[in-house]
Protein backbone atom coordinates (compact mmCIF):
# COMPACT_ATOMS: atom_id res chain seq x y z
CA UNK A 1 68.06 7.89 11.20
CA UNK A 2 68.36 10.09 8.12
CA UNK A 3 64.82 10.81 7.61
CA UNK A 4 64.60 11.62 11.76
CA UNK A 5 67.62 14.31 11.09
CA UNK A 6 65.53 15.85 8.27
CA UNK A 7 62.51 16.03 9.88
CA UNK A 8 64.28 17.30 13.39
CA UNK A 9 65.96 20.08 11.18
CA UNK A 10 62.63 21.02 9.14
CA UNK A 11 60.89 21.69 12.53
CA UNK A 12 63.80 23.69 13.86
CA UNK A 13 63.91 25.77 10.93
CA UNK A 14 60.22 26.62 10.91
CA UNK A 15 59.86 27.24 14.06
CA UNK A 16 62.88 29.55 14.12
CA UNK A 17 62.01 30.94 10.58
CA UNK A 18 57.87 30.56 10.79
CA UNK A 19 57.12 34.59 9.82
CA UNK A 20 59.81 34.90 7.02
CA UNK A 21 58.93 31.44 5.34
CA UNK A 22 55.27 32.42 5.06
CA UNK A 23 55.95 35.30 3.55
CA UNK A 24 58.26 34.15 1.10
CA UNK A 25 55.44 31.42 0.33
CA UNK A 26 52.89 33.77 -0.07
CA UNK A 27 55.16 35.92 -2.27
CA UNK A 28 55.98 32.58 -4.23
CA UNK A 29 52.49 32.21 -4.86
CA UNK A 30 51.39 35.61 -6.25
CA UNK A 31 54.55 35.39 -8.26
CA UNK A 32 52.88 31.97 -9.85
CA UNK A 33 49.73 33.29 -10.38
CA UNK A 34 51.11 36.36 -11.93
CA UNK A 35 53.20 34.36 -14.37
CA UNK A 36 49.92 32.44 -15.41
CA UNK A 37 47.56 35.25 -15.38
CA UNK A 38 49.74 37.62 -17.31
CA UNK A 39 50.16 37.54 -20.98
CA UNK A 40 53.45 39.31 -20.85
CA UNK A 41 55.27 36.87 -19.23
CA UNK A 42 53.67 33.82 -21.15
CA UNK A 43 57.21 33.48 -22.29
CA UNK A 44 58.91 32.50 -19.06
CA UNK A 45 56.10 29.78 -18.85
CA UNK A 46 57.41 28.64 -22.56
CA UNK A 47 60.73 28.22 -21.74
CA UNK A 48 59.96 26.44 -18.63
CA UNK A 49 57.74 24.05 -20.36
CA UNK A 50 60.52 23.67 -23.11
CA UNK A 51 63.16 22.62 -20.45
CA UNK A 52 60.94 20.17 -18.70
CA UNK A 53 59.88 18.85 -22.02
CA UNK A 54 63.59 18.29 -23.22
CA UNK A 55 64.09 16.47 -20.03
CA UNK A 56 61.76 13.82 -20.77
CA UNK A 57 62.84 13.17 -24.26
CA UNK A 58 66.19 12.91 -22.75
CA UNK A 59 64.89 10.29 -20.31
CA UNK A 60 62.45 8.80 -23.50
CA UNK A 61 66.04 8.13 -25.35
CA UNK A 62 67.53 6.56 -22.35
CA UNK A 63 64.43 4.35 -21.39
CA UNK A 64 64.07 3.56 -25.10
CA UNK A 65 68.06 2.44 -25.05
CA UNK A 66 67.19 0.35 -22.04
CA UNK A 67 64.52 -1.41 -23.24
CA UNK A 68 66.06 -2.51 -26.80
CA UNK A 69 69.33 -3.52 -24.50
CA UNK A 70 66.68 -5.47 -22.36
CA UNK A 71 67.93 -3.99 -19.24
CA UNK A 72 64.90 -3.30 -17.07
CA UNK A 73 64.90 -6.94 -15.89
CA UNK A 74 66.58 -5.55 -12.15
CA UNK A 75 64.76 -2.44 -11.90
CA UNK A 76 61.69 -4.58 -12.12
CA UNK A 77 62.56 -6.92 -9.65
CA UNK A 78 63.85 -4.50 -6.97
CA UNK A 79 60.88 -2.41 -7.55
CA UNK A 80 58.37 -5.19 -6.97
CA UNK A 81 60.30 -6.73 -3.68
CA UNK A 82 60.06 -2.84 -2.29
CA UNK A 83 56.50 -2.86 -3.27
CA UNK A 84 55.99 -6.25 -1.66
CA UNK A 85 57.85 -5.16 2.08
CA UNK A 86 56.24 -1.77 1.98
CA UNK A 87 52.37 -3.22 1.68
CA UNK A 88 50.86 -6.10 3.00
CA UNK A 89 47.47 -7.89 2.44
CA UNK A 90 45.74 -5.22 4.43
CA UNK A 91 46.18 -2.60 1.79
CA UNK A 92 44.29 -4.63 -0.78
CA UNK A 93 40.99 -1.98 -0.65
CA UNK A 94 42.67 0.91 -0.64
CA UNK A 95 45.10 0.10 -3.39
CA UNK A 96 41.87 -1.09 -5.26
CA UNK A 97 40.50 2.54 -4.55
CA UNK A 98 43.77 3.86 -5.91
CA UNK A 99 43.66 1.67 -9.13
CA UNK A 100 40.00 3.21 -9.76
CA UNK A 101 41.42 7.06 -9.94
CA UNK A 102 43.39 6.00 -12.94
CA UNK A 103 40.49 3.96 -14.80
CA UNK A 104 39.27 5.43 -17.98
CA UNK A 105 35.63 5.95 -16.47
CA UNK A 106 37.81 8.57 -13.93
CA UNK A 107 39.78 9.61 -17.45
CA UNK A 108 36.57 10.26 -19.26
CA UNK A 109 35.03 12.33 -16.47
CA UNK A 110 38.44 14.34 -16.17
CA UNK A 111 38.36 15.00 -19.52
CA UNK A 112 34.62 16.35 -19.17
CA UNK A 113 35.42 18.48 -15.99
CA UNK A 114 38.30 19.90 -18.00
CA UNK A 115 35.82 20.67 -20.89
CA UNK A 116 33.49 22.67 -18.84
CA UNK A 117 36.04 24.31 -17.04
CA UNK A 118 37.25 25.93 -20.18
CA UNK A 119 33.99 26.77 -21.24
CA UNK A 120 33.31 28.37 -18.12
CA UNK A 121 36.72 30.13 -17.30
CA UNK A 122 38.43 30.18 -20.36
CA UNK A 123 40.20 32.91 -22.13
CA UNK A 124 41.23 31.58 -25.62
CA UNK A 125 38.16 28.53 -25.52
CA UNK A 126 38.94 27.82 -29.26
CA UNK A 127 42.66 27.05 -28.79
CA UNK A 128 42.19 25.50 -25.40
CA UNK A 129 39.50 23.29 -26.29
CA UNK A 130 41.35 22.01 -29.70
CA UNK A 131 44.15 21.42 -27.32
CA UNK A 132 42.39 19.04 -25.12
CA UNK A 133 40.88 17.32 -28.26
CA UNK A 134 44.70 16.99 -29.47
CA UNK A 135 46.05 15.96 -26.37
CA UNK A 136 43.21 13.37 -25.05
CA UNK A 137 42.50 12.00 -28.72
CA UNK A 138 45.95 12.28 -30.36
CA UNK A 139 47.23 10.75 -26.98
CA UNK A 140 45.33 7.17 -27.56
CA UNK A 141 46.92 7.05 -31.73
CA UNK A 142 50.30 7.83 -29.55
CA UNK A 143 50.29 5.26 -27.50
CA UNK A 144 49.12 2.71 -29.77
CA UNK A 145 51.75 3.65 -32.16
CA UNK A 146 54.37 3.47 -29.23
CA UNK A 147 53.29 0.29 -28.15
CA UNK A 148 53.16 -1.44 -31.79
CA UNK A 149 56.62 -0.33 -32.00
CA UNK A 150 58.17 -1.49 -29.33
CA UNK A 151 56.63 -4.90 -29.57
CA UNK A 152 58.54 -5.05 -32.98
CA UNK A 153 61.63 -4.32 -31.53
CA UNK A 154 61.13 -6.18 -28.60
CA UNK A 155 64.29 -8.00 -27.48
CA UNK A 156 62.31 -11.11 -25.84
CA UNK A 157 59.51 -12.53 -27.95
CA UNK A 158 56.11 -12.96 -25.80
CA UNK A 159 53.38 -14.71 -26.57
CA UNK A 160 49.89 -12.89 -27.70
CA UNK A 161 48.73 -13.13 -24.30
CA UNK A 162 52.03 -11.57 -22.43
CA UNK A 163 51.55 -8.85 -24.93
CA UNK A 164 48.08 -7.76 -24.25
CA UNK A 165 48.87 -8.03 -20.40
CA UNK A 166 52.06 -6.39 -20.21
CA UNK A 167 52.80 -3.69 -22.49
CA UNK A 168 55.57 -0.88 -22.99
CA UNK A 169 54.85 2.02 -22.48
CA UNK A 170 51.64 1.39 -20.24
CA UNK A 171 48.66 2.49 -21.99
CA UNK A 172 46.83 3.58 -18.81
CA UNK A 173 50.02 5.44 -17.52
CA UNK A 174 50.49 7.37 -20.31
CA UNK A 175 47.14 8.77 -20.67
CA UNK A 176 46.50 9.34 -16.80
CA UNK A 177 49.67 11.26 -16.93
CA UNK A 178 48.71 13.48 -19.79
CA UNK A 179 44.97 13.81 -18.79
CA UNK A 180 45.99 14.92 -15.03
CA UNK A 181 48.61 16.89 -16.53
CA UNK A 182 46.42 19.54 -18.89
CA UNK A 183 43.58 19.25 -16.21
CA UNK A 184 45.68 20.67 -13.81
CA UNK A 185 47.30 23.06 -16.23
CA UNK A 186 43.89 24.43 -17.17
CA UNK A 187 43.06 24.47 -13.73
CA UNK A 188 46.11 26.69 -12.86
CA UNK A 189 46.12 28.89 -15.65
CA UNK A 190 42.36 30.00 -14.80
CA UNK A 191 41.97 29.83 -11.13
CA UNK A 192 42.51 33.05 -8.86
CA UNK A 193 43.27 31.44 -5.95
CA UNK A 194 46.51 31.81 -4.55
CA UNK A 195 46.80 28.17 -2.88
CA UNK A 196 45.62 26.39 -6.30
CA UNK A 197 49.11 26.66 -8.25
CA UNK A 198 50.80 25.32 -5.34
CA UNK A 199 48.43 22.43 -4.16
CA UNK A 200 46.60 21.40 -7.49
CA UNK A 201 50.26 19.71 -8.79
CA UNK A 202 51.04 18.50 -5.91
CA UNK A 203 47.70 16.73 -5.68
CA UNK A 204 48.35 15.30 -9.10
CA UNK A 205 51.59 14.07 -8.60
CA UNK A 206 50.43 12.33 -5.38
CA UNK A 207 47.41 10.68 -7.28
CA UNK A 208 49.87 9.65 -10.10
CA UNK A 209 52.09 7.85 -7.77
CA UNK A 210 49.74 6.03 -6.19
CA UNK A 211 48.05 5.01 -9.06
CA UNK A 212 51.72 3.51 -10.04
CA UNK A 213 51.78 1.86 -6.87
CA UNK A 214 48.28 0.52 -6.65
CA UNK A 215 49.05 -1.15 -10.56
CA UNK A 216 52.75 -2.61 -8.83
CA UNK A 217 51.00 -3.80 -5.90
CA UNK A 218 48.07 -5.56 -7.80
CA UNK A 219 50.80 -7.05 -10.37
CA UNK A 220 48.69 -5.55 -13.41
CA UNK A 221 52.16 -4.38 -14.72
CA UNK A 222 55.78 -4.11 -14.56
CA UNK A 223 57.58 -1.51 -13.16
CA UNK A 224 59.33 -0.45 -16.26
CA UNK A 225 56.23 -0.17 -18.25
CA UNK A 226 54.58 2.01 -15.74
CA UNK A 227 57.70 4.29 -15.48
CA UNK A 228 57.85 4.39 -19.45
CA UNK A 229 54.28 5.47 -19.80
CA UNK A 230 54.47 8.55 -17.46
CA UNK A 231 58.30 9.65 -19.08
CA UNK A 232 56.37 9.18 -22.67
CA UNK A 233 53.37 10.87 -21.48
CA UNK A 234 55.44 13.84 -20.40
CA UNK A 235 56.92 14.20 -23.64
CA UNK A 236 53.53 14.39 -24.98
CA UNK A 237 51.67 16.42 -23.21
CA UNK A 238 55.13 18.98 -23.23
CA UNK A 239 55.01 19.02 -26.86
CA UNK A 240 51.44 20.04 -26.85
CA UNK A 241 51.53 22.43 -24.40
CA UNK A 242 54.39 23.71 -26.39
CA UNK A 243 52.05 24.20 -29.10
CA UNK A 244 49.26 25.90 -27.00
CA UNK A 245 51.66 28.73 -25.68
CA UNK A 246 52.94 28.94 -28.96
CA UNK A 247 49.57 29.94 -30.06
CA UNK A 248 48.72 31.90 -27.17
CA UNK A 249 51.65 34.14 -28.13
CA UNK A 250 51.03 34.28 -31.88
CA UNK A 251 47.68 35.57 -31.16
CA UNK A 252 49.05 38.27 -28.75
CA UNK A 253 51.45 39.20 -31.21
CA UNK A 254 48.45 39.55 -33.71
CA UNK A 255 46.46 41.69 -31.25
């Protein structure tokens, strides 16, 4: 009933204020494009990225405390039950397709696409290419260090097979968040189409959500592992974006 009321209200508002909503949407799109294409407004992007990164850091601290206190049991059980209730056996094929979207092969292809896009459209090619190397290559070292640290402080001693099968945070989720996020950032920054700044992040978030659901459906990882992978990946991506924007601002000052 709540969902039905919300949908009815949304349809009613859209029909009554259709013209106004379209004007606001177009103005917002133009404003976003100007933010990403105007060097003078780079500070606004920097502040927004810093706030989002701070949010991820706070979540990371909270999840670390919950992991050490072994408080993820109820969250894992409830999430797994919800996935089982929402998706039956008919979803097996689509879920395997969604799972492939987060595979190493797709992520490598996405890195290659980002590399080509930077070489084709990038303005600060050297800085952006270096940032891509740090984000992807450093991300592997970052997640490996995290998993080793959390295995050491794990409140539950698991067998070797369990440690290899269920990791905290999830390596695949962390790298998927980092690579998809950086690719979207480069796509938005260097695209001149108005719909890209809005559509690209939404598509990326939807893909990451489907990847997470597919891993839960196929019982490959615990919900807490996937959630931690996205949160810790958000911290790594945010710090690298802040570093990238800092170099841009420094270059602008030197000019």
